[in-house]
ModelCIF file with pLDDT and N, C-alpha, C, O atoms, coordinates in Angstrom:
data_MODEL
#
_entry.id   MODEL 
#
_entity.id                         1 
_entity.type                       polymer 
_entity.pdbx_number_of_molecules   1 
#
_entity_poly.entity_id                      1 
_entity_poly.type                           'polypeptide(L)' 
_entity_poly.nstd_linkage                   no 
_entity_poly.nstd_monomer                   no 
_entity_poly.pdbx_seq_one_letter_code       HYEPLGIVSGDHIDLIRPGRTGRDLHFLFGDVAGKGVAASMLMAN 
_entity_poly.pdbx_seq_one_letter_code_can   HYEPLGIVSGDHIDLIRPGRTGRDLHFLFGDVAGKGVAASMLMAN 
_entity_poly.pdbx_strand_id                 A 
#
loop_
_entity_poly_seq.entity_id 
_entity_poly_seq.num 
_entity_poly_seq.mon_id 
_entity_poly_seq.hetero 
1 1  HIS n 
1 2  TYR n 
1 3  GLU n 
1 4  PRO n 
1 5  LEU n 
1 6  GLY n 
1 7  ILE n 
1 8  VAL n 
1 9  SER n 
1 10 GLY n 
1 11 ASP n 
1 12 HIS n 
1 13 ILE n 
1 14 ASP n 
1 15 LEU n 
1 16 ILE n 
1 17 ARG n 
1 18 PRO n 
1 19 GLY n 
1 20 ARG n 
1 21 THR n 
1 22 GLY n 
1 23 ARG n 
1 24 ASP n 
1 25 LEU n 
1 26 HIS n 
1 27 PHE n 
1 28 LEU n 
1 29 PHE n 
1 30 GLY n 
1 31 ASP n 
1 32 VAL n 
1 33 ALA n 
1 34 GLY n 
1 35 LYS n 
1 36 GLY n 
1 37 VAL n 
1 38 ALA n 
1 39 ALA n 
1 40 SER n 
1 41 MET n 
1 42 LEU n 
1 43 MET n 
1 44 ALA n 
1 45 ASN n 
#
_struct_asym.id          A 
_struct_asym.entity_id   1 
#
loop_
_ma_qa_metric.id 
_ma_qa_metric.mode 
_ma_qa_metric.name 
_ma_qa_metric.software_group_id 
_ma_qa_metric.type 
1 global pLDDT . pLDDT 
2 local  pLDDT . pLDDT 
#
_ma_qa_metric_global.metric_id      1 
_ma_qa_metric_global.metric_value   86.53 
_ma_qa_metric_global.model_id       1 
_ma_qa_metric_global.ordinal_id     1 
#
loop_
_ma_qa_metric_local.label_asym_id 
_ma_qa_metric_local.label_comp_id 
_ma_qa_metric_local.label_seq_id 
_ma_qa_metric_local.metric_id 
_ma_qa_metric_local.metric_value 
_ma_qa_metric_local.model_id 
_ma_qa_metric_local.ordinal_id 
A HIS 1  2 96.00 1 1  
A TYR 2  2 94.00 1 2  
A GLU 3  2 92.00 1 3  
A PRO 4  2 89.00 1 4  
A LEU 5  2 86.00 1 5  
A GLY 6  2 82.00 1 6  
A ILE 7  2 81.00 1 7  
A VAL 8  2 78.00 1 8  
A SER 9  2 81.00 1 9  
A GLY 10 2 85.00 1 10 
A ASP 11 2 91.00 1 11 
A HIS 12 2 91.00 1 12 
A ILE 13 2 94.00 1 13 
A ASP 14 2 96.00 1 14 
A LEU 15 2 96.00 1 15 
A ILE 16 2 94.00 1 16 
A ARG 17 2 92.00 1 17 
A PRO 18 2 90.00 1 18 
A GLY 19 2 77.00 1 19 
A ARG 20 2 66.00 1 20 
A THR 21 2 59.00 1 21 
A GLY 22 2 69.00 1 22 
A ARG 23 2 87.00 1 23 
A ASP 24 2 94.00 1 24 
A LEU 25 2 96.00 1 25 
A HIS 26 2 96.00 1 26 
A PHE 27 2 97.00 1 27 
A LEU 28 2 97.00 1 28 
A PHE 29 2 97.00 1 29 
A GLY 30 2 92.00 1 30 
A ASP 31 2 94.00 1 31 
A VAL 32 2 91.00 1 32 
A ALA 33 2 87.00 1 33 
A GLY 34 2 77.00 1 34 
A LYS 35 2 73.00 1 35 
A GLY 36 2 76.00 1 36 
A VAL 37 2 79.00 1 37 
A ALA 38 2 79.00 1 38 
A ALA 39 2 83.00 1 39 
A SER 40 2 85.00 1 40 
A MET 41 2 84.00 1 41 
A LEU 42 2 87.00 1 42 
A MET 43 2 87.00 1 43 
A ALA 44 2 88.00 1 44 
A ASN 45 2 89.00 1 45 
#
loop_
_atom_site.group_PDB 
_atom_site.id 
_atom_site.type_symbol 
_atom_site.label_atom_id 
_atom_site.label_alt_id 
_atom_site.label_comp_id 
_atom_site.label_asym_id 
_atom_site.label_entity_id 
_atom_site.label_seq_id 
_atom_site.pdbx_PDB_ins_code 
_atom_site.Cartn_x 
_atom_site.Cartn_y 
_atom_site.Cartn_z 
_atom_site.occupancy 
_atom_site.B_iso_or_equiv 
_atom_site.pdbx_formal_charge 
_atom_site.auth_seq_id 
_atom_site.auth_comp_id 
_atom_site.auth_asym_id 
_atom_site.auth_atom_id 
_atom_site.pdbx_PDB_model_num 
ATOM 1   N N  . HIS A 1 1  ? 1.207   7.195   -16.013 1.00 96.00 ? 1  HIS A N  1 
ATOM 2   C CA . HIS A 1 1  ? 2.359   7.291   -16.925 1.00 96.00 ? 1  HIS A CA 1 
ATOM 3   C C  . HIS A 1 1  ? 3.105   7.076   -15.651 1.00 96.00 ? 1  HIS A C  1 
ATOM 4   O O  . HIS A 1 1  ? 2.954   7.905   -14.753 1.00 96.00 ? 1  HIS A O  1 
ATOM 5   N N  . TYR A 1 2  ? 4.043   5.860   -15.440 1.00 94.00 ? 2  TYR A N  1 
ATOM 6   C CA . TYR A 1 2  ? 5.495   6.975   -14.306 1.00 94.00 ? 2  TYR A CA 1 
ATOM 7   C C  . TYR A 1 2  ? 6.774   6.652   -14.848 1.00 94.00 ? 2  TYR A C  1 
ATOM 8   O O  . TYR A 1 2  ? 7.238   5.592   -15.267 1.00 94.00 ? 2  TYR A O  1 
ATOM 9   N N  . GLU A 1 3  ? 7.242   7.804   -14.745 1.00 92.00 ? 3  GLU A N  1 
ATOM 10  C CA . GLU A 1 3  ? 8.656   8.949   -15.510 1.00 92.00 ? 3  GLU A CA 1 
ATOM 11  C C  . GLU A 1 3  ? 9.014   9.510   -14.239 1.00 92.00 ? 3  GLU A C  1 
ATOM 12  O O  . GLU A 1 3  ? 8.381   10.337  -13.583 1.00 92.00 ? 3  GLU A O  1 
ATOM 13  N N  . PRO A 1 4  ? 10.094  8.964   -13.977 1.00 89.00 ? 4  PRO A N  1 
ATOM 14  C CA . PRO A 1 4  ? 11.188  9.015   -12.854 1.00 89.00 ? 4  PRO A CA 1 
ATOM 15  C C  . PRO A 1 4  ? 12.424  10.392  -13.905 1.00 89.00 ? 4  PRO A C  1 
ATOM 16  O O  . PRO A 1 4  ? 12.860  10.633  -15.031 1.00 89.00 ? 4  PRO A O  1 
ATOM 17  N N  . LEU A 1 5  ? 12.445  10.891  -12.461 1.00 86.00 ? 5  LEU A N  1 
ATOM 18  C CA . LEU A 1 5  ? 13.463  12.213  -13.332 1.00 86.00 ? 5  LEU A CA 1 
ATOM 19  C C  . LEU A 1 5  ? 15.015  11.515  -13.350 1.00 86.00 ? 5  LEU A C  1 
ATOM 20  O O  . LEU A 1 5  ? 15.866  12.061  -14.053 1.00 86.00 ? 5  LEU A O  1 
ATOM 21  N N  . GLY A 1 6  ? 15.459  10.011  -12.381 1.00 82.00 ? 6  GLY A N  1 
ATOM 22  C CA . GLY A 1 6  ? 16.054  10.133  -12.077 1.00 82.00 ? 6  GLY A CA 1 
ATOM 23  C C  . GLY A 1 6  ? 16.495  8.455   -12.130 1.00 82.00 ? 6  GLY A C  1 
ATOM 24  O O  . GLY A 1 6  ? 15.576  7.773   -12.584 1.00 82.00 ? 6  GLY A O  1 
ATOM 25  N N  . ILE A 1 7  ? 17.829  7.605   -11.720 1.00 81.00 ? 7  ILE A N  1 
ATOM 26  C CA . ILE A 1 7  ? 17.205  6.635   -11.679 1.00 81.00 ? 7  ILE A CA 1 
ATOM 27  C C  . ILE A 1 7  ? 15.638  6.002   -11.127 1.00 81.00 ? 7  ILE A C  1 
ATOM 28  O O  . ILE A 1 7  ? 14.710  5.269   -11.466 1.00 81.00 ? 7  ILE A O  1 
ATOM 29  N N  . VAL A 1 8  ? 16.192  6.999   -9.886  1.00 78.00 ? 8  VAL A N  1 
ATOM 30  C CA . VAL A 1 8  ? 15.023  6.172   -8.744  1.00 78.00 ? 8  VAL A CA 1 
ATOM 31  C C  . VAL A 1 8  ? 13.779  7.003   -8.882  1.00 78.00 ? 8  VAL A C  1 
ATOM 32  O O  . VAL A 1 8  ? 13.693  7.487   -10.010 1.00 78.00 ? 8  VAL A O  1 
ATOM 33  N N  . SER A 1 9  ? 12.407  7.435   -7.767  1.00 81.00 ? 9  SER A N  1 
ATOM 34  C CA . SER A 1 9  ? 11.784  7.835   -8.622  1.00 81.00 ? 9  SER A CA 1 
ATOM 35  C C  . SER A 1 9  ? 11.634  8.189   -6.177  1.00 81.00 ? 9  SER A C  1 
ATOM 36  O O  . SER A 1 9  ? 12.010  7.715   -5.105  1.00 81.00 ? 9  SER A O  1 
ATOM 37  N N  . GLY A 1 10 ? 10.504  9.752   -7.021  1.00 85.00 ? 10 GLY A N  1 
ATOM 38  C CA . GLY A 1 10 ? 10.172  9.521   -4.916  1.00 85.00 ? 10 GLY A CA 1 
ATOM 39  C C  . GLY A 1 10 ? 8.365   9.087   -5.832  1.00 85.00 ? 10 GLY A C  1 
ATOM 40  O O  . GLY A 1 10 ? 7.657   8.080   -5.804  1.00 85.00 ? 10 GLY A O  1 
ATOM 41  N N  . ASP A 1 11 ? 8.323   9.518   -6.057  1.00 91.00 ? 11 ASP A N  1 
ATOM 42  C CA . ASP A 1 11 ? 6.716   9.393   -6.227  1.00 91.00 ? 11 ASP A CA 1 
ATOM 43  C C  . ASP A 1 11 ? 6.353   7.367   -6.270  1.00 91.00 ? 11 ASP A C  1 
ATOM 44  O O  . ASP A 1 11 ? 7.183   6.466   -6.149  1.00 91.00 ? 11 ASP A O  1 
ATOM 45  N N  . HIS A 1 12 ? 4.395   7.217   -6.548  1.00 91.00 ? 12 HIS A N  1 
ATOM 46  C CA . HIS A 1 12 ? 4.450   5.306   -6.398  1.00 91.00 ? 12 HIS A CA 1 
ATOM 47  C C  . HIS A 1 12 ? 2.750   5.369   -6.398  1.00 91.00 ? 12 HIS A C  1 
ATOM 48  O O  . HIS A 1 12 ? 1.750   6.071   -6.246  1.00 91.00 ? 12 HIS A O  1 
ATOM 49  N N  . ILE A 1 13 ? 3.058   4.610   -6.567  1.00 94.00 ? 13 ILE A N  1 
ATOM 50  C CA . ILE A 1 13 ? 1.634   3.938   -7.240  1.00 94.00 ? 13 ILE A CA 1 
ATOM 51  C C  . ILE A 1 13 ? 1.483   2.219   -7.154  1.00 94.00 ? 13 ILE A C  1 
ATOM 52  O O  . ILE A 1 13 ? 2.237   1.258   -7.309  1.00 94.00 ? 13 ILE A O  1 
ATOM 53  N N  . ASP A 1 14 ? -0.160  2.471   -6.766  1.00 96.00 ? 14 ASP A N  1 
ATOM 54  C CA . ASP A 1 14 ? 0.246   0.774   -5.662  1.00 96.00 ? 14 ASP A CA 1 
ATOM 55  C C  . ASP A 1 14 ? -1.084  -0.004  -6.146  1.00 96.00 ? 14 ASP A C  1 
ATOM 56  O O  . ASP A 1 14 ? -1.007  0.369   -7.317  1.00 96.00 ? 14 ASP A O  1 
ATOM 57  N N  . LEU A 1 15 ? -2.122  -0.720  -6.127  1.00 96.00 ? 15 LEU A N  1 
ATOM 58  C CA . LEU A 1 15 ? -2.784  -1.140  -6.356  1.00 96.00 ? 15 LEU A CA 1 
ATOM 59  C C  . LEU A 1 15 ? -3.428  -2.456  -5.647  1.00 96.00 ? 15 LEU A C  1 
ATOM 60  O O  . LEU A 1 15 ? -3.672  -3.565  -6.121  1.00 96.00 ? 15 LEU A O  1 
ATOM 61  N N  . ILE A 1 16 ? -3.596  -1.978  -4.459  1.00 94.00 ? 16 ILE A N  1 
ATOM 62  C CA . ILE A 1 16 ? -4.176  -3.855  -3.705  1.00 94.00 ? 16 ILE A CA 1 
ATOM 63  C C  . ILE A 1 16 ? -5.759  -4.949  -4.493  1.00 94.00 ? 16 ILE A C  1 
ATOM 64  O O  . ILE A 1 16 ? -6.844  -4.509  -4.872  1.00 94.00 ? 16 ILE A O  1 
ATOM 65  N N  . ARG A 1 17 ? -5.384  -6.039  -4.490  1.00 92.00 ? 17 ARG A N  1 
ATOM 66  C CA . ARG A 1 17 ? -6.389  -5.823  -5.028  1.00 92.00 ? 17 ARG A CA 1 
ATOM 67  C C  . ARG A 1 17 ? -7.287  -7.120  -4.196  1.00 92.00 ? 17 ARG A C  1 
ATOM 68  O O  . ARG A 1 17 ? -6.819  -8.258  -4.207  1.00 92.00 ? 17 ARG A O  1 
ATOM 69  N N  . PRO A 1 18 ? -8.427  -6.858  -3.585  1.00 90.00 ? 18 PRO A N  1 
ATOM 70  C CA . PRO A 1 18 ? -8.785  -7.127  -2.296  1.00 90.00 ? 18 PRO A CA 1 
ATOM 71  C C  . PRO A 1 18 ? -8.494  -8.736  -2.074  1.00 90.00 ? 18 PRO A C  1 
ATOM 72  O O  . PRO A 1 18 ? -8.573  -9.578  -2.970  1.00 90.00 ? 18 PRO A O  1 
ATOM 73  N N  . GLY A 1 19 ? -8.153  -8.986  -0.740  1.00 77.00 ? 19 GLY A N  1 
ATOM 74  C CA . GLY A 1 19 ? -8.108  -10.414 0.132   1.00 77.00 ? 19 GLY A CA 1 
ATOM 75  C C  . GLY A 1 19 ? -9.387  -11.088 -0.278  1.00 77.00 ? 19 GLY A C  1 
ATOM 76  O O  . GLY A 1 19 ? -10.318 -10.899 -1.062  1.00 77.00 ? 19 GLY A O  1 
ATOM 77  N N  . ARG A 1 20 ? -8.924  -12.122 0.784   1.00 66.00 ? 20 ARG A N  1 
ATOM 78  C CA . ARG A 1 20 ? -10.007 -13.249 0.574   1.00 66.00 ? 20 ARG A CA 1 
ATOM 79  C C  . ARG A 1 20 ? -10.779 -13.136 1.581   1.00 66.00 ? 20 ARG A C  1 
ATOM 80  O O  . ARG A 1 20 ? -11.066 -14.171 2.183   1.00 66.00 ? 20 ARG A O  1 
ATOM 81  N N  . THR A 1 21 ? -11.431 -11.612 2.127   1.00 59.00 ? 21 THR A N  1 
ATOM 82  C CA . THR A 1 21 ? -12.997 -12.097 2.176   1.00 59.00 ? 21 THR A CA 1 
ATOM 83  C C  . THR A 1 21 ? -13.181 -10.248 2.237   1.00 59.00 ? 21 THR A C  1 
ATOM 84  O O  . THR A 1 21 ? -14.276 -9.743  2.484   1.00 59.00 ? 21 THR A O  1 
ATOM 85  N N  . GLY A 1 22 ? -11.711 -9.264  1.924   1.00 69.00 ? 22 GLY A N  1 
ATOM 86  C CA . GLY A 1 22 ? -12.022 -7.962  0.769   1.00 69.00 ? 22 GLY A CA 1 
ATOM 87  C C  . GLY A 1 22 ? -12.938 -8.490  -0.530  1.00 69.00 ? 22 GLY A C  1 
ATOM 88  O O  . GLY A 1 22 ? -13.467 -9.598  -0.622  1.00 69.00 ? 22 GLY A O  1 
ATOM 89  N N  . ARG A 1 23 ? -12.982 -7.477  -1.444  1.00 87.00 ? 23 ARG A N  1 
ATOM 90  C CA . ARG A 1 23 ? -14.462 -6.417  -2.064  1.00 87.00 ? 23 ARG A CA 1 
ATOM 91  C C  . ARG A 1 23 ? -14.016 -5.326  -3.278  1.00 87.00 ? 23 ARG A C  1 
ATOM 92  O O  . ARG A 1 23 ? -14.348 -5.133  -4.448  1.00 87.00 ? 23 ARG A O  1 
ATOM 93  N N  . ASP A 1 24 ? -13.181 -4.797  -2.427  1.00 94.00 ? 24 ASP A N  1 
ATOM 94  C CA . ASP A 1 24 ? -12.827 -3.419  -3.410  1.00 94.00 ? 24 ASP A CA 1 
ATOM 95  C C  . ASP A 1 24 ? -11.178 -4.278  -3.246  1.00 94.00 ? 24 ASP A C  1 
ATOM 96  O O  . ASP A 1 24 ? -10.595 -5.226  -2.720  1.00 94.00 ? 24 ASP A O  1 
ATOM 97  N N  . LEU A 1 25 ? -11.014 -2.964  -4.249  1.00 96.00 ? 25 LEU A N  1 
ATOM 98  C CA . LEU A 1 25 ? -9.365  -2.529  -5.093  1.00 96.00 ? 25 LEU A CA 1 
ATOM 99  C C  . LEU A 1 25 ? -8.967  -1.286  -4.160  1.00 96.00 ? 25 LEU A C  1 
ATOM 100 O O  . LEU A 1 25 ? -9.284  -0.160  -4.544  1.00 96.00 ? 25 LEU A O  1 
ATOM 101 N N  . HIS A 1 26 ? -8.081  -1.501  -2.591  1.00 96.00 ? 26 HIS A N  1 
ATOM 102 C CA . HIS A 1 26 ? -6.694  0.195   -3.135  1.00 96.00 ? 26 HIS A CA 1 
ATOM 103 C C  . HIS A 1 26 ? -6.423  0.379   -3.591  1.00 96.00 ? 26 HIS A C  1 
ATOM 104 O O  . HIS A 1 26 ? -6.272  -0.417  -4.517  1.00 96.00 ? 26 HIS A O  1 
ATOM 105 N N  . PHE A 1 27 ? -5.983  1.537   -3.689  1.00 97.00 ? 27 PHE A N  1 
ATOM 106 C CA . PHE A 1 27 ? -5.459  2.133   -4.335  1.00 97.00 ? 27 PHE A CA 1 
ATOM 107 C C  . PHE A 1 27 ? -4.934  4.037   -3.954  1.00 97.00 ? 27 PHE A C  1 
ATOM 108 O O  . PHE A 1 27 ? -5.594  5.074   -4.024  1.00 97.00 ? 27 PHE A O  1 
ATOM 109 N N  . LEU A 1 28 ? -3.289  3.742   -3.508  1.00 97.00 ? 28 LEU A N  1 
ATOM 110 C CA . LEU A 1 28 ? -2.066  4.633   -4.052  1.00 97.00 ? 28 LEU A CA 1 
ATOM 111 C C  . LEU A 1 28 ? -1.279  5.675   -4.244  1.00 97.00 ? 28 LEU A C  1 
ATOM 112 O O  . LEU A 1 28 ? -0.170  5.404   -4.705  1.00 97.00 ? 28 LEU A O  1 
ATOM 113 N N  . PHE A 1 29 ? -1.418  6.334   -4.117  1.00 97.00 ? 29 PHE A N  1 
ATOM 114 C CA . PHE A 1 29 ? -0.789  7.129   -5.487  1.00 97.00 ? 29 PHE A CA 1 
ATOM 115 C C  . PHE A 1 29 ? 0.321   9.109   -4.700  1.00 97.00 ? 29 PHE A C  1 
ATOM 116 O O  . PHE A 1 29 ? 0.073   10.052  -3.947  1.00 97.00 ? 29 PHE A O  1 
ATOM 117 N N  . GLY A 1 30 ? 1.049   8.795   -5.264  1.00 92.00 ? 30 GLY A N  1 
ATOM 118 C CA . GLY A 1 30 ? 1.611   9.806   -3.869  1.00 92.00 ? 30 GLY A CA 1 
ATOM 119 C C  . GLY A 1 30 ? 3.242   9.944   -3.870  1.00 92.00 ? 30 GLY A C  1 
ATOM 120 O O  . GLY A 1 30 ? 4.000   9.220   -4.515  1.00 92.00 ? 30 GLY A O  1 
ATOM 121 N N  . ASP A 1 31 ? 3.536   10.779  -3.208  1.00 94.00 ? 31 ASP A N  1 
ATOM 122 C CA . ASP A 1 31 ? 4.814   11.847  -3.384  1.00 94.00 ? 31 ASP A CA 1 
ATOM 123 C C  . ASP A 1 31 ? 5.281   12.226  -2.760  1.00 94.00 ? 31 ASP A C  1 
ATOM 124 O O  . ASP A 1 31 ? 4.933   13.311  -2.295  1.00 94.00 ? 31 ASP A O  1 
ATOM 125 N N  . VAL A 1 32 ? 7.100   11.150  -2.066  1.00 91.00 ? 32 VAL A N  1 
ATOM 126 C CA . VAL A 1 32 ? 7.205   12.360  -0.891  1.00 91.00 ? 32 VAL A CA 1 
ATOM 127 C C  . VAL A 1 32 ? 8.885   12.362  -1.480  1.00 91.00 ? 32 VAL A C  1 
ATOM 128 O O  . VAL A 1 32 ? 9.720   11.656  -2.045  1.00 91.00 ? 32 VAL A O  1 
ATOM 129 N N  . ALA A 1 33 ? 8.521   14.597  -0.490  1.00 87.00 ? 33 ALA A N  1 
ATOM 130 C CA . ALA A 1 33 ? 9.889   15.586  -0.657  1.00 87.00 ? 33 ALA A CA 1 
ATOM 131 C C  . ALA A 1 33 ? 11.335  14.991  -1.064  1.00 87.00 ? 33 ALA A C  1 
ATOM 132 O O  . ALA A 1 33 ? 12.041  14.122  -0.552  1.00 87.00 ? 33 ALA A O  1 
ATOM 133 N N  . GLY A 1 34 ? 11.431  15.526  -1.797  1.00 77.00 ? 34 GLY A N  1 
ATOM 134 C CA . GLY A 1 34 ? 13.010  14.991  -1.548  1.00 77.00 ? 34 GLY A CA 1 
ATOM 135 C C  . GLY A 1 34 ? 12.721  14.106  -3.540  1.00 77.00 ? 34 GLY A C  1 
ATOM 136 O O  . GLY A 1 34 ? 11.682  14.115  -4.199  1.00 77.00 ? 34 GLY A O  1 
ATOM 137 N N  . LYS A 1 35 ? 13.566  13.722  -3.770  1.00 73.00 ? 35 LYS A N  1 
ATOM 138 C CA . LYS A 1 35 ? 14.525  13.032  -5.424  1.00 73.00 ? 35 LYS A CA 1 
ATOM 139 C C  . LYS A 1 35 ? 14.955  11.913  -4.857  1.00 73.00 ? 35 LYS A C  1 
ATOM 140 O O  . LYS A 1 35 ? 14.934  11.625  -3.660  1.00 73.00 ? 35 LYS A O  1 
ATOM 141 N N  . GLY A 1 36 ? 15.345  11.293  -5.752  1.00 76.00 ? 36 GLY A N  1 
ATOM 142 C CA . GLY A 1 36 ? 16.424  10.076  -5.621  1.00 76.00 ? 36 GLY A CA 1 
ATOM 143 C C  . GLY A 1 36 ? 15.718  9.671   -4.697  1.00 76.00 ? 36 GLY A C  1 
ATOM 144 O O  . GLY A 1 36 ? 14.637  10.008  -4.214  1.00 76.00 ? 36 GLY A O  1 
ATOM 145 N N  . VAL A 1 37 ? 17.081  8.262   -4.343  1.00 79.00 ? 37 VAL A N  1 
ATOM 146 C CA . VAL A 1 37 ? 17.494  7.433   -3.872  1.00 79.00 ? 37 VAL A CA 1 
ATOM 147 C C  . VAL A 1 37 ? 16.732  7.511   -1.694  1.00 79.00 ? 37 VAL A C  1 
ATOM 148 O O  . VAL A 1 37 ? 16.217  6.825   -0.810  1.00 79.00 ? 37 VAL A O  1 
ATOM 149 N N  . ALA A 1 38 ? 17.184  8.726   -1.981  1.00 79.00 ? 38 ALA A N  1 
ATOM 150 C CA . ALA A 1 38 ? 16.488  8.926   0.412   1.00 79.00 ? 38 ALA A CA 1 
ATOM 151 C C  . ALA A 1 38 ? 14.928  9.211   -0.089  1.00 79.00 ? 38 ALA A C  1 
ATOM 152 O O  . ALA A 1 38 ? 14.213  9.505   0.868   1.00 79.00 ? 38 ALA A O  1 
ATOM 153 N N  . ALA A 1 39 ? 14.077  9.190   -1.656  1.00 83.00 ? 39 ALA A N  1 
ATOM 154 C CA . ALA A 1 39 ? 12.911  9.769   -1.612  1.00 83.00 ? 39 ALA A CA 1 
ATOM 155 C C  . ALA A 1 39 ? 12.221  8.052   -1.692  1.00 83.00 ? 39 ALA A C  1 
ATOM 156 O O  . ALA A 1 39 ? 11.398  7.420   -1.030  1.00 83.00 ? 39 ALA A O  1 
ATOM 157 N N  . SER A 1 40 ? 12.997  7.806   -2.767  1.00 85.00 ? 40 SER A N  1 
ATOM 158 C CA . SER A 1 40 ? 12.275  6.216   -3.277  1.00 85.00 ? 40 SER A CA 1 
ATOM 159 C C  . SER A 1 40 ? 12.236  4.667   -1.896  1.00 85.00 ? 40 SER A C  1 
ATOM 160 O O  . SER A 1 40 ? 11.484  3.743   -1.583  1.00 85.00 ? 40 SER A O  1 
ATOM 161 N N  . MET A 1 41 ? 13.248  5.103   -1.583  1.00 84.00 ? 41 MET A N  1 
ATOM 162 C CA . MET A 1 41 ? 13.308  4.586   0.156   1.00 84.00 ? 41 MET A CA 1 
ATOM 163 C C  . MET A 1 41 ? 12.416  5.297   0.995   1.00 84.00 ? 41 MET A C  1 
ATOM 164 O O  . MET A 1 41 ? 12.769  4.852   2.087   1.00 84.00 ? 41 MET A O  1 
ATOM 165 N N  . LEU A 1 42 ? 11.267  6.301   1.296   1.00 87.00 ? 42 LEU A N  1 
ATOM 166 C CA . LEU A 1 42 ? 10.226  6.249   2.039   1.00 87.00 ? 42 LEU A CA 1 
ATOM 167 C C  . LEU A 1 42 ? 9.038   6.320   1.041   1.00 87.00 ? 42 LEU A C  1 
ATOM 168 O O  . LEU A 1 42 ? 8.046   6.869   1.522   1.00 87.00 ? 42 LEU A O  1 
ATOM 169 N N  . MET A 1 43 ? 8.946   5.997   0.078   1.00 87.00 ? 43 MET A N  1 
ATOM 170 C CA . MET A 1 43 ? 7.919   5.046   -0.840  1.00 87.00 ? 43 MET A CA 1 
ATOM 171 C C  . MET A 1 43 ? 7.985   4.225   -0.344  1.00 87.00 ? 43 MET A C  1 
ATOM 172 O O  . MET A 1 43 ? 7.386   4.070   0.720   1.00 87.00 ? 43 MET A O  1 
ATOM 173 N N  . ALA A 1 44 ? 8.522   3.581   -0.726  1.00 88.00 ? 44 ALA A N  1 
ATOM 174 C CA . ALA A 1 44 ? 8.602   2.306   0.033   1.00 88.00 ? 44 ALA A CA 1 
ATOM 175 C C  . ALA A 1 44 ? 8.224   2.240   0.886   1.00 88.00 ? 44 ALA A C  1 
ATOM 176 O O  . ALA A 1 44 ? 7.294   1.447   0.741   1.00 88.00 ? 44 ALA A O  1 
ATOM 177 N N  . ASN A 1 45 ? 8.264   2.624   2.134   1.00 89.00 ? 45 ASN A N  1 
ATOM 178 C CA . ASN A 1 45 ? 8.808   2.102   3.093   1.00 89.00 ? 45 ASN A CA 1 
ATOM 179 C C  . ASN A 1 45 ? 7.021   2.785   3.650   1.00 89.00 ? 45 ASN A C  1 
ATOM 180 O O  . ASN A 1 45 ? 6.639   2.640   4.811   1.00 89.00 ? 45 ASN A O  1 
#
């Protein structure tokens, strides 16, 4: 469940399927300090 307080969020989830040589699924679950556009840009980075 993903529910931003405003229009964009500093929270983020990513699920990365294995590539050609990999076999495992990678996950990322994070929260950048702050809110809004600045936090969302850092999380995208």
